[in-house]
Protein backbone atom coordinates (compact mmCIF):
# COMPACT_ATOMS: atom_id res chain seq x y z
CA MET A 1 -120.00 -19.79 144.88
CA LYS A 2 -123.85 -19.75 146.61
CA PHE A 3 -126.66 -22.40 146.82
CA LYS A 4 -130.31 -21.26 147.10
CA TYR A 5 -133.04 -23.57 146.86
CA ASN A 6 -135.99 -22.15 145.01
CA LYS A 7 -139.07 -24.86 146.27
CA GLU A 8 -142.15 -23.81 144.86
CA ASP A 9 -139.74 -24.67 141.36
CA ASP A 10 -138.21 -27.51 142.62
CA ALA A 11 -135.12 -26.10 141.86
CA ILE A 12 -131.65 -25.47 142.55
CA LEU A 13 -129.54 -22.70 141.78
CA ILE A 14 -125.77 -22.70 142.45
CA GLU A 15 -124.27 -18.74 141.95
CA LEU A 16 -120.55 -19.24 140.47
CA ASN A 17 -119.91 -15.44 140.82
CA ASP A 18 -121.79 -12.08 140.28
CA LYS A 19 -121.17 -11.28 136.99
CA VAL A 20 -123.55 -10.48 134.45
CA ILE A 21 -125.77 -13.58 132.41
CA ASP A 22 -125.66 -12.98 128.72
CA PHE A 23 -127.39 -16.35 127.65
CA ALA A 24 -127.88 -19.46 128.72
CA GLU A 25 -127.71 -23.50 127.04
CA GLN A 26 -130.12 -26.04 128.58
CA SER A 27 -129.56 -29.77 128.51
CA GLY A 28 -132.28 -31.63 129.98
CA ASP A 29 -132.77 -30.59 133.20
CA PHE A 30 -129.61 -28.46 133.18
CA ILE A 31 -129.61 -25.09 132.65
CA VAL A 32 -126.43 -23.12 132.79
CA HIS A 33 -126.39 -19.08 131.91
CA PHE A 34 -122.70 -18.12 130.76
CA SER A 35 -121.38 -14.47 131.08
CA ALA A 36 -120.66 -13.02 127.64
CA LYS A 37 -116.95 -14.20 127.32
CA ARG A 38 -118.87 -17.76 127.88
CA GLU A 39 -117.54 -17.97 131.42
CA PRO A 40 -120.57 -19.81 133.92
CA VAL A 41 -121.78 -17.44 136.22
CA LEU A 42 -125.16 -19.76 137.40
CA ILE A 43 -126.31 -23.20 137.36
CA GLU A 44 -129.86 -24.12 137.59
CA ILE A 45 -131.30 -27.99 138.27
CA LEU A 46 -134.32 -28.08 137.19
CA ASP A 47 -136.57 -31.26 138.78
CA ALA A 48 -134.07 -31.28 141.75
CA SER A 49 -136.22 -32.79 144.69
CA GLN A 50 -135.95 -36.16 141.68
CA PHE A 51 -132.10 -34.82 140.56
CA LEU A 52 -131.03 -35.72 144.37
CA LYS A 53 -133.03 -38.26 145.66
CA ASN A 54 -131.62 -40.09 141.70
CA ILE A 55 -127.69 -39.12 142.67
CA SER A 56 -127.60 -39.71 146.39
CA LEU A 57 -128.38 -42.88 145.55
CA ARG A 58 -125.37 -44.01 143.19
CA LEU A 59 -123.63 -42.84 146.25
CA PRO A 60 -121.60 -45.69 148.80
CA ASP A 61 -123.94 -46.23 151.07
CA LYS A 62 -120.81 -44.20 153.59
CA VAL A 63 -120.69 -41.79 151.65
CA ARG A 64 -124.59 -41.14 152.34
CA ASN A 65 -124.43 -42.28 155.84
CA GLN A 66 -122.36 -39.35 156.47
CA ILE A 67 -124.00 -36.81 154.15
CA PHE A 68 -127.51 -37.26 156.09
CA ALA A 69 -125.68 -38.13 159.56
CA SER A 70 -124.20 -34.09 159.21
CA PRO A 71 -126.04 -31.81 161.37
CA SER A 72 -125.49 -29.44 159.04
CA PHE A 73 -127.41 -31.34 156.56
CA GLY A 74 -130.82 -29.21 155.04
CA GLN A 75 -129.37 -26.06 156.96
CA PRO A 76 -128.57 -23.34 154.66
CA GLN A 77 -125.48 -22.68 153.33
CA SER A 78 -123.15 -19.35 154.16
CA PRO A 79 -121.54 -17.87 151.81
CA ALA A 80 -117.50 -18.49 151.65
């Protein structure tokens, strides 16, 4: 799984696998790209900065503090 942020488009891209994308479906600010066998391949989160702001406000204080205090917060993720 790979995560990418496109600053120009303010979008988070979550690559689930490297299968060929056949089609996509959108619901609000989420676009899911599927293979021909309807397996999710890529998830796009549009208006990502607002999404992250909203989601962080819903986290318990303890969890939010642990995430934002992490030395790796905001650093690029290495492929697993």
